[in-house]
Amino acid sequence: MVFEIYPLTKEGVKPDDTLRLGFTIDDLDAVIGKLKNSGRKIIKDPALTEWGYVSIIEDLDGRKIELKDSHKIRG
């Protein structure tokens, strides 16, 4: 599967940073650990919230991505 977002036209100079994707994954702590070890920016460490166990990371273009653990319950 390929999933691509094209936020910048040829004439554009600043990408759209208002888009925020969210993904539900099986083991948030393990994924965040791997991302930290690879030097990726973690905006918000995993925490139990009213929406579940979530973390926010930043992609290479500076956009926020929300990751939610599929197994941990809401706060």
PDB file of N, CA and C in Angstrom:
ATOM      1  N   MET A   1       0.831  -1.172   0.000  1.00  0.00           N
ATOM      2  CA  MET A   1       0.000   0.000   0.000  1.00  0.00           C
ATOM      3  C   MET A   1       0.879   1.241   0.000  1.00  0.00           C
ATOM      4  N   VAL A   2       0.478   2.216  -0.747  1.00  0.00           N
ATOM      5  CA  VAL A   2       1.177   3.499  -0.776  1.00  0.00           C
ATOM      6  C   VAL A   2       0.178   4.572  -0.363  1.00  0.00           C
ATOM      7  N   PHE A   3       0.577   5.412   0.577  1.00  0.00           N
ATOM      8  CA  PHE A   3      -0.259   6.504   1.049  1.00  0.00           C
ATOM      9  C   PHE A   3       0.580   7.765   0.954  1.00  0.00           C
ATOM     10  N   GLU A   4       0.166   8.699   0.104  1.00  0.00           N
ATOM     11  CA  GLU A   4       0.965   9.896  -0.103  1.00  0.00           C
ATOM     12  C   GLU A   4       0.113  11.140   0.093  1.00  0.00           C
ATOM     13  N   ILE A   5       0.731  12.190   0.585  1.00  0.00           N
ATOM     14  CA  ILE A   5       0.086  13.488   0.741  1.00  0.00           C
ATOM     15  C   ILE A   5       0.960  14.495   0.003  1.00  0.00           C
ATOM     16  N   TYR A   6       0.326  15.277  -0.817  1.00  0.00           N
ATOM     17  CA  TYR A   6       1.054  16.302  -1.563  1.00  0.00           C
ATOM     18  C   TYR A   6       0.603  17.675  -1.078  1.00  0.00           C
ATOM     19  N   PRO A   7       1.270  18.214  -0.084  1.00  0.00           N
ATOM     20  CA  PRO A   7       0.809  19.460   0.526  1.00  0.00           C
ATOM     21  C   PRO A   7       1.329  20.736  -0.124  1.00  0.00           C
ATOM     22  N   LEU A   8       2.186  20.607  -1.114  1.00  0.00           N
ATOM     23  CA  LEU A   8       2.850  21.785  -1.646  1.00  0.00           C
ATOM     24  C   LEU A   8       2.776  21.785  -3.166  1.00  0.00           C
ATOM     25  N   THR A   9       2.209  22.838  -3.735  1.00  0.00           N
ATOM     26  CA  THR A   9       2.188  22.968  -5.185  1.00  0.00           C
ATOM     27  C   THR A   9       3.568  23.396  -5.662  1.00  0.00           C
ATOM     28  N   LYS A  10       3.790  23.357  -6.952  1.00  0.00           N
ATOM     29  CA  LYS A  10       5.089  23.775  -7.494  1.00  0.00           C
ATOM     30  C   LYS A  10       5.396  25.231  -7.164  1.00  0.00           C
ATOM     31  N   GLU A  11       4.356  26.047  -7.062  1.00  0.00           N
ATOM     32  CA  GLU A  11       4.544  27.462  -6.770  1.00  0.00           C
ATOM     33  C   GLU A  11       4.634  27.743  -5.265  1.00  0.00           C
ATOM     34  N   GLY A  12       4.263  26.789  -4.448  1.00  0.00           N
ATOM     35  CA  GLY A  12       4.233  26.986  -3.004  1.00  0.00           C
ATOM     36  C   GLY A  12       5.606  27.050  -2.386  1.00  0.00           C
ATOM     37  N   VAL A  13       5.684  27.707  -1.229  1.00  0.00           N
ATOM     38  CA  VAL A  13       6.954  27.796  -0.517  1.00  0.00           C
ATOM     39  C   VAL A  13       6.870  27.195   0.879  1.00  0.00           C
ATOM     40  N   LYS A  14       5.651  27.075   1.425  1.00  0.00           N
ATOM     41  CA  LYS A  14       5.479  26.531   2.762  1.00  0.00           C
ATOM     42  C   LYS A  14       4.440  25.414   2.697  1.00  0.00           C
ATOM     43  N   PRO A  15       4.777  24.210   3.183  1.00  0.00           N
ATOM     44  CA  PRO A  15       3.800  23.123   3.141  1.00  0.00           C
ATOM     45  C   PRO A  15       2.638  23.367   4.104  1.00  0.00           C
ATOM     46  N   ASP A  16       1.513  22.763   3.795  1.00  0.00           N
ATOM     47  CA  ASP A  16       0.344  22.825   4.674  1.00  0.00           C
ATOM     48  C   ASP A  16       0.658  22.040   5.933  1.00  0.00           C
ATOM     49  N   ASP A  17       0.681  22.734   7.085  1.00  0.00           N
ATOM     50  CA  ASP A  17       0.986  22.050   8.339  1.00  0.00           C
ATOM     51  C   ASP A  17      -0.250  21.899   9.219  1.00  0.00           C
ATOM     52  N   THR A  18      -1.426  22.109   8.629  1.00  0.00           N
ATOM     53  CA  THR A  18      -2.661  21.978   9.402  1.00  0.00           C
ATOM     54  C   THR A  18      -3.219  20.563   9.354  1.00  0.00           C
ATOM     55  N   LEU A  19      -2.755  19.765   8.427  1.00  0.00           N
ATOM     56  CA  LEU A  19      -3.215  18.384   8.309  1.00  0.00           C
ATOM     57  C   LEU A  19      -2.625  17.539   9.427  1.00  0.00           C
ATOM     58  N   ARG A  20      -3.474  16.741  10.065  1.00  0.00           N
ATOM     59  CA  ARG A  20      -2.977  15.862  11.134  1.00  0.00           C
ATOM     60  C   ARG A  20      -3.597  14.486  10.942  1.00  0.00           C
ATOM     61  N   LEU A  21      -2.761  13.513  10.758  1.00  0.00           N
ATOM     62  CA  LEU A  21      -3.212  12.143  10.606  1.00  0.00           C
ATOM     63  C   LEU A  21      -3.140  11.427  11.943  1.00  0.00           C
ATOM     64  N   GLY A  22      -3.962  10.412  12.099  1.00  0.00           N
ATOM     65  CA  GLY A  22      -3.933   9.590  13.296  1.00  0.00           C
ATOM     66  C   GLY A  22      -3.971   8.124  12.907  1.00  0.00           C
ATOM     67  N   PHE A  23      -3.196   7.327  13.602  1.00  0.00           N
ATOM     68  CA  PHE A  23      -3.140   5.897  13.342  1.00  0.00           C
ATOM     69  C   PHE A  23      -3.271   5.131  14.651  1.00  0.00           C
ATOM     70  N   THR A  24      -4.023   4.055  14.641  1.00  0.00           N
ATOM     71  CA  THR A  24      -4.113   3.155  15.785  1.00  0.00           C
ATOM     72  C   THR A  24      -3.139   2.011  15.548  1.00  0.00           C
ATOM     73  N   ILE A  25      -2.287   1.760  16.533  1.00  0.00           N
ATOM     74  CA  ILE A  25      -1.263   0.731  16.407  1.00  0.00           C
ATOM     75  C   ILE A  25      -1.324  -0.203  17.610  1.00  0.00           C
ATOM     76  N   ASP A  26      -0.638  -1.338  17.520  1.00  0.00           N
ATOM     77  CA  ASP A  26      -0.729  -2.363  18.556  1.00  0.00           C
ATOM     78  C   ASP A  26       0.131  -2.117  19.795  1.00  0.00           C
ATOM     79  N   ASP A  27       1.311  -1.561  19.643  1.00  0.00           N
ATOM     80  CA  ASP A  27       2.209  -1.399  20.797  1.00  0.00           C
ATOM     81  C   ASP A  27       2.866  -0.028  20.737  1.00  0.00           C
ATOM     82  N   LEU A  28       2.175   0.971  21.243  1.00  0.00           N
ATOM     83  CA  LEU A  28       2.642   2.349  21.167  1.00  0.00           C
ATOM     84  C   LEU A  28       3.994   2.538  21.830  1.00  0.00           C
ATOM     85  N   ASP A  29       4.184   1.972  23.003  1.00  0.00           N
ATOM     86  CA  ASP A  29       5.461   2.156  23.706  1.00  0.00           C
ATOM     87  C   ASP A  29       6.642   1.632  22.894  1.00  0.00           C
ATOM     88  N   ALA A  30       6.472   0.485  22.257  1.00  0.00           N
ATOM     89  CA  ALA A  30       7.551  -0.089  21.444  1.00  0.00           C
ATOM     90  C   ALA A  30       7.850   0.789  20.232  1.00  0.00           C
ATOM     91  N   VAL A  31       6.807   1.280  19.585  1.00  0.00           N
ATOM     92  CA  VAL A  31       6.998   2.131  18.409  1.00  0.00           C
ATOM     93  C   VAL A  31       7.671   3.445  18.797  1.00  0.00           C
ATOM     94  N   ILE A  32       7.234   4.058  19.884  1.00  0.00           N
ATOM     95  CA  ILE A  32       7.844   5.314  20.333  1.00  0.00           C
ATOM     96  C   ILE A  32       9.312   5.081  20.701  1.00  0.00           C
ATOM     97  N   GLY A  33       9.609   3.958  21.328  1.00  0.00           N
ATOM     98  CA  GLY A  33      10.998   3.635  21.645  1.00  0.00           C
ATOM     99  C   GLY A  33      11.864   3.556  20.398  1.00  0.00           C
ATOM    100  N   LYS A  34      11.357   2.906  19.359  1.00  0.00           N
ATOM    101  CA  LYS A  34      12.101   2.798  18.096  1.00  0.00           C
ATOM    102  C   LYS A  34      12.275   4.167  17.442  1.00  0.00           C
ATOM    103  N   LEU A  35      11.214   4.976  17.479  1.00  0.00           N
ATOM    104  CA  LEU A  35      11.308   6.308  16.888  1.00  0.00           C
ATOM    105  C   LEU A  35      12.320   7.178  17.628  1.00  0.00           C
ATOM    106  N   LYS A  36      12.313   7.119  18.948  1.00  0.00           N
ATOM    107  CA  LYS A  36      13.287   7.884  19.736  1.00  0.00           C
ATOM    108  C   LYS A  36      14.712   7.437  19.418  1.00  0.00           C
ATOM    109  N   ASN A  37      14.913   6.134  19.311  1.00  0.00           N
ATOM    110  CA  ASN A  37      16.249   5.599  19.015  1.00  0.00           C
ATOM    111  C   ASN A  37      16.736   6.003  17.630  1.00  0.00           C
ATOM    112  N   SER A  38      15.798   6.268  16.712  1.00  0.00           N
ATOM    113  CA  SER A  38      16.189   6.657  15.357  1.00  0.00           C
ATOM    114  C   SER A  38      16.302   8.175  15.209  1.00  0.00           C
ATOM    115  N   GLY A  39      16.064   8.913  16.312  1.00  0.00           N
ATOM    116  CA  GLY A  39      16.226  10.352  16.277  1.00  0.00           C
ATOM    117  C   GLY A  39      15.004  11.134  15.837  1.00  0.00           C
ATOM    118  N   ARG A  40      13.873  10.488  15.703  1.00  0.00           N
ATOM    119  CA  ARG A  40      12.649  11.186  15.313  1.00  0.00           C
ATOM    120  C   ARG A  40      12.142  12.065  16.453  1.00  0.00           C
ATOM    121  N   LYS A  41      11.432  13.135  16.096  1.00  0.00           N
ATOM    122  CA  LYS A  41      10.934  14.082  17.094  1.00  0.00           C
ATOM    123  C   LYS A  41       9.611  13.580  17.674  1.00  0.00           C
ATOM    124  N   ILE A  42       9.581  13.452  18.993  1.00  0.00           N
ATOM    125  CA  ILE A  42       8.373  13.080  19.721  1.00  0.00           C
ATOM    126  C   ILE A  42       7.832  14.364  20.342  1.00  0.00           C
ATOM    127  N   ILE A  43       6.670  14.809  19.905  1.00  0.00           N
ATOM    128  CA  ILE A  43       6.090  16.048  20.411  1.00  0.00           C
ATOM    129  C   ILE A  43       5.456  15.818  21.776  1.00  0.00           C
ATOM    130  N   LYS A  44       4.757  14.689  21.925  1.00  0.00           N
ATOM    131  CA  LYS A  44       4.091  14.367  23.195  1.00  0.00           C
ATOM    132  C   LYS A  44       4.324  12.890  23.488  1.00  0.00           C
ATOM    133  N   ASP A  45       4.979  12.617  24.600  1.00  0.00           N
ATOM    134  CA  ASP A  45       5.216  11.225  24.988  1.00  0.00           C
ATOM    135  C   ASP A  45       3.878  10.523  25.241  1.00  0.00           C
ATOM    136  N   PRO A  46       3.861   9.195  25.140  1.00  0.00           N
ATOM    137  CA  PRO A  46       2.619   8.468  25.373  1.00  0.00           C
ATOM    138  C   PRO A  46       2.005   8.797  26.732  1.00  0.00           C
ATOM    139  N   ALA A  47       0.684   8.980  26.713  1.00  0.00           N
ATOM    140  CA  ALA A  47      -0.047   9.286  27.941  1.00  0.00           C
ATOM    141  C   ALA A  47      -1.475   8.779  27.796  1.00  0.00           C
ATOM    142  N   LEU A  48      -2.058   8.381  28.913  1.00  0.00           N
ATOM    143  CA  LEU A  48      -3.444   7.940  28.934  1.00  0.00           C
ATOM    144  C   LEU A  48      -4.341   9.178  28.987  1.00  0.00           C
ATOM    145  N   THR A  49      -5.204   9.344  28.002  1.00  0.00           N
ATOM    146  CA  THR A  49      -6.094  10.497  27.901  1.00  0.00           C
ATOM    147  C   THR A  49      -7.534  10.015  27.798  1.00  0.00           C
ATOM    148  N   GLU A  50      -8.441  10.957  27.677  1.00  0.00           N
ATOM    149  CA  GLU A  50      -9.837  10.577  27.513  1.00  0.00           C
ATOM    150  C   GLU A  50     -10.089   9.893  26.168  1.00  0.00           C
ATOM    151  N   TRP A  51      -9.161  10.007  25.226  1.00  0.00           N
ATOM    152  CA  TRP A  51      -9.298   9.371  23.914  1.00  0.00           C
ATOM    153  C   TRP A  51      -8.517   8.067  23.820  1.00  0.00           C
ATOM    154  N   GLY A  52      -7.808   7.700  24.848  1.00  0.00           N
ATOM    155  CA  GLY A  52      -7.002   6.486  24.846  1.00  0.00           C
ATOM    156  C   GLY A  52      -5.551   6.788  25.175  1.00  0.00           C
ATOM    157  N   TYR A  53      -4.694   5.815  24.957  1.00  0.00           N
ATOM    158  CA  TYR A  53      -3.260   5.948  25.214  1.00  0.00           C
ATOM    159  C   TYR A  53      -2.633   6.471  23.932  1.00  0.00           C
ATOM    160  N   VAL A  54      -2.236   7.741  23.920  1.00  0.00           N
ATOM    161  CA  VAL A  54      -1.817   8.386  22.680  1.00  0.00           C
ATOM    162  C   VAL A  54      -0.474   9.096  22.817  1.00  0.00           C
ATOM    163  N   SER A  55       0.135   9.315  21.677  1.00  0.00           N
ATOM    164  CA  SER A  55       1.371  10.069  21.567  1.00  0.00           C
ATOM    165  C   SER A  55       1.286  10.884  20.281  1.00  0.00           C
ATOM    166  N   ILE A  56       2.020  11.978  20.235  1.00  0.00           N
ATOM    167  CA  ILE A  56       2.080  12.778  19.015  1.00  0.00           C
ATOM    168  C   ILE A  56       3.535  12.882  18.590  1.00  0.00           C
ATOM    169  N   ILE A  57       3.770  12.567  17.324  1.00  0.00           N
ATOM    170  CA  ILE A  57       5.116  12.641  16.761  1.00  0.00           C
ATOM    171  C   ILE A  57       5.114  13.643  15.614  1.00  0.00           C
ATOM    172  N   GLU A  58       6.284  13.928  15.098  1.00  0.00           N
ATOM    173  CA  GLU A  58       6.399  14.850  13.972  1.00  0.00           C
ATOM    174  C   GLU A  58       7.018  14.112  12.799  1.00  0.00           C
ATOM    175  N   ASP A  59       6.431  14.281  11.601  1.00  0.00           N
ATOM    176  CA  ASP A  59       7.014  13.640  10.427  1.00  0.00           C
ATOM    177  C   ASP A  59       8.168  14.494   9.894  1.00  0.00           C
ATOM    178  N   LEU A  60       8.796  14.038   8.840  1.00  0.00           N
ATOM    179  CA  LEU A  60       9.981  14.717   8.313  1.00  0.00           C
ATOM    180  C   LEU A  60       9.674  16.092   7.724  1.00  0.00           C
ATOM    181  N   ASP A  61       8.394  16.347   7.401  1.00  0.00           N
ATOM    182  CA  ASP A  61       7.990  17.647   6.871  1.00  0.00           C
ATOM    183  C   ASP A  61       7.448  18.572   7.955  1.00  0.00           C
ATOM    184  N   GLY A  62       7.494  18.141   9.220  1.00  0.00           N
ATOM    185  CA  GLY A  62       7.050  18.965  10.318  1.00  0.00           C
ATOM    186  C   GLY A  62       5.577  18.847  10.675  1.00  0.00           C
ATOM    187  N   ARG A  63       4.880  17.865  10.087  1.00  0.00           N
ATOM    188  CA  ARG A  63       3.464  17.672  10.404  1.00  0.00           C
ATOM    189  C   ARG A  63       3.303  16.764  11.606  1.00  0.00           C
ATOM    190  N   LYS A  64       2.234  16.995  12.366  1.00  0.00           N
ATOM    191  CA  LYS A  64       1.954  16.171  13.535  1.00  0.00           C
ATOM    192  C   LYS A  64       1.207  14.902  13.117  1.00  0.00           C
ATOM    193  N   ILE A  65       1.576  13.806  13.769  1.00  0.00           N
ATOM    194  CA  ILE A  65       0.899  12.521  13.572  1.00  0.00           C
ATOM    195  C   ILE A  65       0.557  11.983  14.950  1.00  0.00           C
ATOM    196  N   GLU A  66      -0.711  11.620  15.127  1.00  0.00           N
ATOM    197  CA  GLU A  66      -1.149  11.056  16.405  1.00  0.00           C
ATOM    198  C   GLU A  66      -1.150   9.536  16.306  1.00  0.00           C
ATOM    199  N   LEU A  67      -0.528   8.908  17.278  1.00  0.00           N
ATOM    200  CA  LEU A  67      -0.510   7.451  17.365  1.00  0.00           C
ATOM    201  C   LEU A  67      -1.281   7.046  18.610  1.00  0.00           C
ATOM    202  N   LYS A  68      -2.175   6.068  18.439  1.00  0.00           N
ATOM    203  CA  LYS A  68      -2.994   5.602  19.569  1.00  0.00           C
ATOM    204  C   LYS A  68      -2.842   4.097  19.705  1.00  0.00           C
ATOM    205  N   ASP A  69      -2.659   3.649  20.923  1.00  0.00           N
ATOM    206  CA  ASP A  69      -2.508   2.221  21.211  1.00  0.00           C
ATOM    207  C   ASP A  69      -3.870   1.547  21.152  1.00  0.00           C
ATOM    208  N   SER A  70      -3.952   0.471  20.422  1.00  0.00           N
ATOM    209  CA  SER A  70      -5.235  -0.223  20.261  1.00  0.00           C
ATOM    210  C   SER A  70      -5.624  -1.073  21.455  1.00  0.00           C
ATOM    211  N   HIS A  71      -4.706  -1.309  22.401  1.00  0.00           N
ATOM    212  CA  HIS A  71      -4.983  -2.203  23.511  1.00  0.00           C
ATOM    213  C   HIS A  71      -5.198  -1.522  24.866  1.00  0.00           C
ATOM    214  N   LYS A  72      -4.763  -0.292  24.994  1.00  0.00           N
ATOM    215  CA  LYS A  72      -4.897   0.380  26.293  1.00  0.00           C
ATOM    216  C   LYS A  72      -6.190   1.192  26.307  1.00  0.00           C
ATOM    217  N   ILE A  73      -6.832   1.172  27.465  1.00  0.00           N
ATOM    218  CA  ILE A  73      -8.139   1.805  27.590  1.00  0.00           C
ATOM    219  C   ILE A  73      -8.038   3.305  27.816  1.00  0.00           C
ATOM    220  N   ARG A  74      -9.148   3.963  27.743  1.00  0.00           N
ATOM    221  CA  ARG A  74      -9.209   5.415  27.953  1.00  0.00           C
ATOM    222  C   ARG A  74      -9.002   5.775  29.410  1.00  0.00           C
ATOM    223  N   GLY A  75      -8.556   7.009  29.613  1.00  0.00           N
ATOM    224  CA  GLY A  75      -8.317   7.513  30.956  1.00  0.00           C
ATOM    225  C   GLY A  75      -9.579   8.048  31.588  1.00  0.00           C
TER     226      GLY A  75
END
